[in-house]
Amino acid sequence: MSRQRWQQLDRYLYCTEVEQSFCSPFGRVWDLSQLLCERSLLYWTPGKHLCVDEAIARFTGRASEKVIIKTKPTPEGYKI
């Protein structure tokens, strides 16, 4: 995704109520994520040969969502 496209999305897409408070940094997009999951199941049915790719994005700062798996090449970060 280009920088210009990200700036356009960030400028025009706001996923929360004005006075809403959050327990998690992902709370802002939780409702949107649930809606997208429900709608995607209406339009697409997964086949029996489905593969899910996992990765760890390196992050060494402080965050409660960070995972540490010492046996991985990237042992510390966000699991995506």
C-alpha atoms as a PDB file:
ATOM      1  CA  MET A   1       0.000   0.000   0.000  1.00  0.00           C
ATOM      2  CA  SER A   2       1.423   3.348  -0.963  1.00  0.00           C
ATOM      3  CA  ARG A   3       1.914   6.162   1.528  1.00  0.00           C
ATOM      4  CA  GLN A   4      -0.591   8.356  -0.302  1.00  0.00           C
ATOM      5  CA  ARG A   5      -3.251   5.614  -0.200  1.00  0.00           C
ATOM      6  CA  TRP A   6      -2.675   5.090   3.537  1.00  0.00           C
ATOM      7  CA  GLN A   7      -3.034   8.818   4.156  1.00  0.00           C
ATOM      8  CA  GLN A   8      -6.325   8.870   2.228  1.00  0.00           C
ATOM      9  CA  LEU A   9      -7.703   5.941   4.213  1.00  0.00           C
ATOM     10  CA  ASP A  10      -6.480   7.356   7.510  1.00  0.00           C
ATOM     11  CA  ARG A  11      -8.029  10.733   6.750  1.00  0.00           C
ATOM     12  CA  TYR A  12     -11.493   9.570   5.669  1.00  0.00           C
ATOM     13  CA  LEU A  13     -12.042   6.330   7.609  1.00  0.00           C
ATOM     14  CA  TYR A  14     -12.867   6.721  11.290  1.00  0.00           C
ATOM     15  CA  CYS A  15     -14.078   3.562  13.031  1.00  0.00           C
ATOM     16  CA  THR A  16     -15.413   4.731  16.388  1.00  0.00           C
ATOM     17  CA  GLU A  17     -17.874   6.918  18.214  1.00  0.00           C
ATOM     18  CA  VAL A  18     -16.568  10.274  19.431  1.00  0.00           C
ATOM     19  CA  GLU A  19     -17.012   9.629  23.167  1.00  0.00           C
ATOM     20  CA  GLN A  20     -16.120   5.918  23.127  1.00  0.00           C
ATOM     21  CA  SER A  21     -13.394   4.597  25.469  1.00  0.00           C
ATOM     22  CA  PHE A  22     -11.293   1.485  24.851  1.00  0.00           C
ATOM     23  CA  CYS A  23      -9.736  -1.263  26.962  1.00  0.00           C
ATOM     24  CA  SER A  24      -7.464  -2.310  24.109  1.00  0.00           C
ATOM     25  CA  PRO A  25      -5.823  -0.502  21.198  1.00  0.00           C
ATOM     26  CA  PHE A  26      -7.780  -2.841  18.908  1.00  0.00           C
ATOM     27  CA  GLY A  27     -11.118  -1.875  20.465  1.00  0.00           C
ATOM     28  CA  ARG A  28     -11.566   0.866  17.891  1.00  0.00           C
ATOM     29  CA  VAL A  29     -11.861  -1.577  15.000  1.00  0.00           C
ATOM     30  CA  TRP A  30     -13.423  -4.563  16.835  1.00  0.00           C
ATOM     31  CA  ASP A  31     -17.010  -3.851  15.728  1.00  0.00           C
ATOM     32  CA  LEU A  32     -15.878  -3.257  12.149  1.00  0.00           C
ATOM     33  CA  SER A  33     -13.892  -6.496  12.214  1.00  0.00           C
ATOM     34  CA  GLN A  34     -16.910  -8.482  13.432  1.00  0.00           C
ATOM     35  CA  LEU A  35     -19.109  -6.976  10.727  1.00  0.00           C
ATOM     36  CA  LEU A  36     -16.566  -7.821   8.012  1.00  0.00           C
ATOM     37  CA  CYS A  37     -16.303 -11.419   9.268  1.00  0.00           C
ATOM     38  CA  GLU A  38     -20.078 -11.881   9.232  1.00  0.00           C
ATOM     39  CA  ARG A  39     -20.478 -10.346   5.774  1.00  0.00           C
ATOM     40  CA  SER A  40     -17.571 -12.255   4.260  1.00  0.00           C
ATOM     41  CA  LEU A  41     -19.171 -15.553   5.310  1.00  0.00           C
ATOM     42  CA  LEU A  42     -22.311 -14.526   3.419  1.00  0.00           C
ATOM     43  CA  TYR A  43     -20.391 -14.025   0.167  1.00  0.00           C
ATOM     44  CA  TRP A  44     -17.647 -16.673   0.399  1.00  0.00           C
ATOM     45  CA  THR A  45     -17.665 -20.246   1.661  1.00  0.00           C
ATOM     46  CA  PRO A  46     -14.207 -21.642   2.388  1.00  0.00           C
ATOM     47  CA  GLY A  47     -13.342 -24.910   0.637  1.00  0.00           C
ATOM     48  CA  LYS A  48     -11.914 -27.930   2.367  1.00  0.00           C
ATOM     49  CA  HIS A  49      -8.331 -27.094   1.306  1.00  0.00           C
ATOM     50  CA  LEU A  50      -7.690 -23.900   3.248  1.00  0.00           C
ATOM     51  CA  CYS A  51      -4.307 -22.683   4.469  1.00  0.00           C
ATOM     52  CA  VAL A  52      -3.658 -19.972   7.053  1.00  0.00           C
ATOM     53  CA  ASP A  53      -0.262 -18.295   7.059  1.00  0.00           C
ATOM     54  CA  GLU A  54       1.074 -16.978  10.356  1.00  0.00           C
ATOM     55  CA  ALA A  55       3.980 -14.638  10.947  1.00  0.00           C
ATOM     56  CA  ILE A  56       5.516 -12.596  13.717  1.00  0.00           C
ATOM     57  CA  ALA A  57       6.158  -8.925  12.974  1.00  0.00           C
ATOM     58  CA  ARG A  58       9.201  -7.808  14.978  1.00  0.00           C
ATOM     59  CA  PHE A  59       8.375  -5.445  17.843  1.00  0.00           C
ATOM     60  CA  THR A  60      10.566  -4.887  20.891  1.00  0.00           C
ATOM     61  CA  GLY A  61       8.640  -2.132  22.656  1.00  0.00           C
ATOM     62  CA  ARG A  62       6.066  -2.434  25.418  1.00  0.00           C
ATOM     63  CA  ALA A  63       2.613  -3.768  24.508  1.00  0.00           C
ATOM     64  CA  SER A  64       0.260  -6.320  26.063  1.00  0.00           C
ATOM     65  CA  GLU A  65      -0.423  -7.861  22.618  1.00  0.00           C
ATOM     66  CA  LYS A  66       3.241  -8.771  22.059  1.00  0.00           C
ATOM     67  CA  VAL A  67       4.140 -12.495  21.997  1.00  0.00           C
ATOM     68  CA  ILE A  68       7.482 -14.126  22.736  1.00  0.00           C
ATOM     69  CA  ILE A  69       8.323 -17.466  21.105  1.00  0.00           C
ATOM     70  CA  LYS A  70      12.003 -18.174  21.754  1.00  0.00           C
ATOM     71  CA  THR A  71      12.328 -20.905  19.101  1.00  0.00           C
ATOM     72  CA  LYS A  72      11.310 -18.641  16.184  1.00  0.00           C
ATOM     73  CA  PRO A  73      13.749 -16.641  14.011  1.00  0.00           C
ATOM     74  CA  THR A  74      11.893 -13.494  15.127  1.00  0.00           C
ATOM     75  CA  PRO A  75      11.270 -14.374  18.775  1.00  0.00           C
ATOM     76  CA  GLU A  76       9.475 -11.214  19.882  1.00  0.00           C
ATOM     77  CA  GLY A  77       6.676  -9.218  18.257  1.00  0.00           C
ATOM     78  CA  TYR A  78       3.062  -9.198  17.062  1.00  0.00           C
ATOM     79  CA  LYS A  79       1.540 -12.438  15.802  1.00  0.00           C
ATOM     80  CA  ILE A  80      -0.254 -11.816  12.501  1.00  0.00           C
END
